[in-house]
Amino acid sequence: GINAEYMGVLRGQQVAIKIVAKESSYVFGRQVEESDILLSKLTRPSIDALKESFKDEMSKDDWKLVLKMKKQFNIL
């Protein structure tokens, strides 16, 4: 499921994240730097989570991008 601690962060604001690794740990300043770009894998469950929990926060442009990526990555 999604993180129940979502607090309504707006685009452009800074956030804190927690990375949970299955096999190793990540240390800020070593494997992860403040300037690193973090990505999230788009999947059918993640799209469903966006619809269920973040529908009102997403703009039309956000949904257009999701649809474009859905087609590009063949997500059913």
C-alpha atoms as a PDB file:
ATOM      1  CA  GLY A   1       0.000   0.000   0.000  1.00  0.00           C
ATOM      2  CA  ILE A   2       0.899   3.646   0.015  1.00  0.00           C
ATOM      3  CA  ASN A   3       2.362   5.571   2.895  1.00  0.00           C
ATOM      4  CA  ALA A   4      -0.402   6.735   5.197  1.00  0.00           C
ATOM      5  CA  GLU A   5       1.727   9.697   6.306  1.00  0.00           C
ATOM      6  CA  TYR A   6       1.132  11.718   3.109  1.00  0.00           C
ATOM      7  CA  MET A   7       0.853  15.337   4.201  1.00  0.00           C
ATOM      8  CA  GLY A   8      -0.201  17.213   1.051  1.00  0.00           C
ATOM      9  CA  VAL A   9       3.172  18.255  -0.352  1.00  0.00           C
ATOM     10  CA  LEU A  10       2.941  20.538  -3.367  1.00  0.00           C
ATOM     11  CA  ARG A  11       5.108  20.441  -6.484  1.00  0.00           C
ATOM     12  CA  GLY A  12       8.395  22.236  -5.871  1.00  0.00           C
ATOM     13  CA  GLN A  13       8.421  21.718  -2.103  1.00  0.00           C
ATOM     14  CA  GLN A  14      11.115  19.730  -0.332  1.00  0.00           C
ATOM     15  CA  VAL A  15      10.304  16.402   1.287  1.00  0.00           C
ATOM     16  CA  ALA A  16      11.984  13.748   3.376  1.00  0.00           C
ATOM     17  CA  ILE A  17      11.904  10.152   2.187  1.00  0.00           C
ATOM     18  CA  LYS A  18      12.739   6.785   3.640  1.00  0.00           C
ATOM     19  CA  ILE A  19      14.406   4.182   1.442  1.00  0.00           C
ATOM     20  CA  VAL A  20      13.753   0.623   2.542  1.00  0.00           C
ATOM     21  CA  ALA A  21      16.233  -1.776   0.971  1.00  0.00           C
ATOM     22  CA  LYS A  22      15.743  -5.526   0.895  1.00  0.00           C
ATOM     23  CA  GLU A  23      19.385  -6.585   0.788  1.00  0.00           C
ATOM     24  CA  SER A  24      21.533  -3.624   1.820  1.00  0.00           C
ATOM     25  CA  SER A  25      21.212  -0.267   3.503  1.00  0.00           C
ATOM     26  CA  TYR A  26      21.630   3.187   2.015  1.00  0.00           C
ATOM     27  CA  VAL A  27      23.484   5.935   3.851  1.00  0.00           C
ATOM     28  CA  PHE A  28      22.756   9.575   3.090  1.00  0.00           C
ATOM     29  CA  GLY A  29      25.995  11.190   1.965  1.00  0.00           C
ATOM     30  CA  ARG A  30      27.424   7.891   0.805  1.00  0.00           C
ATOM     31  CA  GLN A  31      25.131   6.005  -1.575  1.00  0.00           C
ATOM     32  CA  VAL A  32      22.499   8.768  -1.698  1.00  0.00           C
ATOM     33  CA  GLU A  33      23.339  12.470  -2.039  1.00  0.00           C
ATOM     34  CA  GLU A  34      21.061  15.495  -1.701  1.00  0.00           C
ATOM     35  CA  SER A  35      21.616  16.313  -5.371  1.00  0.00           C
ATOM     36  CA  ASP A  36      20.652  12.808  -6.572  1.00  0.00           C
ATOM     37  CA  ILE A  37      17.548  12.455  -8.701  1.00  0.00           C
ATOM     38  CA  LEU A  38      15.283   9.739  -7.341  1.00  0.00           C
ATOM     39  CA  LEU A  39      12.858   7.897  -9.592  1.00  0.00           C
ATOM     40  CA  SER A  40       9.895   5.697  -8.903  1.00  0.00           C
ATOM     41  CA  LYS A  41       8.870   2.794 -11.108  1.00  0.00           C
ATOM     42  CA  LEU A  42       5.458   3.336 -12.691  1.00  0.00           C
ATOM     43  CA  THR A  43       3.332   0.199 -12.408  1.00  0.00           C
ATOM     44  CA  ARG A  44      -0.347  -0.673 -12.553  1.00  0.00           C
ATOM     45  CA  PRO A  45      -0.513  -0.711  -8.714  1.00  0.00           C
ATOM     46  CA  SER A  46       1.222   2.687  -8.494  1.00  0.00           C
ATOM     47  CA  ILE A  47      -1.216   4.174 -11.024  1.00  0.00           C
ATOM     48  CA  ASP A  48      -4.104   2.707  -9.009  1.00  0.00           C
ATOM     49  CA  ALA A  49      -2.628   4.274  -5.841  1.00  0.00           C
ATOM     50  CA  LEU A  50      -2.475   7.667  -7.591  1.00  0.00           C
ATOM     51  CA  LYS A  51      -6.134   7.321  -8.579  1.00  0.00           C
ATOM     52  CA  GLU A  52      -7.227   6.176  -5.138  1.00  0.00           C
ATOM     53  CA  SER A  53      -5.228   8.481  -2.882  1.00  0.00           C
ATOM     54  CA  PHE A  54      -3.925  11.431  -4.903  1.00  0.00           C
ATOM     55  CA  LYS A  55      -6.595  12.010  -7.549  1.00  0.00           C
ATOM     56  CA  ASP A  56      -7.493  15.486  -6.294  1.00  0.00           C
ATOM     57  CA  GLU A  57      -3.852  16.580  -5.992  1.00  0.00           C
ATOM     58  CA  MET A  58      -2.930  15.586  -9.561  1.00  0.00           C
ATOM     59  CA  SER A  59      -3.302  18.177 -12.333  1.00  0.00           C
ATOM     60  CA  LYS A  60      -4.557  17.445 -15.834  1.00  0.00           C
ATOM     61  CA  ASP A  61      -0.955  17.675 -17.044  1.00  0.00           C
ATOM     62  CA  ASP A  62       0.068  15.099 -14.414  1.00  0.00           C
ATOM     63  CA  TRP A  63      -2.584  12.673 -15.695  1.00  0.00           C
ATOM     64  CA  LYS A  64      -1.573  13.310 -19.320  1.00  0.00           C
ATOM     65  CA  LEU A  65       1.995  12.362 -18.407  1.00  0.00           C
ATOM     66  CA  VAL A  66       0.810   9.200 -16.613  1.00  0.00           C
ATOM     67  CA  LEU A  67      -1.218   8.197 -19.694  1.00  0.00           C
ATOM     68  CA  LYS A  68       1.734   8.887 -22.006  1.00  0.00           C
ATOM     69  CA  MET A  69       4.060   6.814 -19.816  1.00  0.00           C
ATOM     70  CA  LYS A  70       1.457   4.063 -19.487  1.00  0.00           C
ATOM     71  CA  LYS A  71       1.364   3.719 -23.275  1.00  0.00           C
ATOM     72  CA  GLN A  72       5.137   4.019 -23.679  1.00  0.00           C
ATOM     73  CA  PHE A  73       5.870   1.315 -21.099  1.00  0.00           C
ATOM     74  CA  ASN A  74       2.945  -0.943 -22.087  1.00  0.00           C
ATOM     75  CA  ILE A  75       1.272  -0.821 -18.692  1.00  0.00           C
ATOM     76  CA  LEU A  76      -2.155  -2.406 -18.900  1.00  0.00           C
END
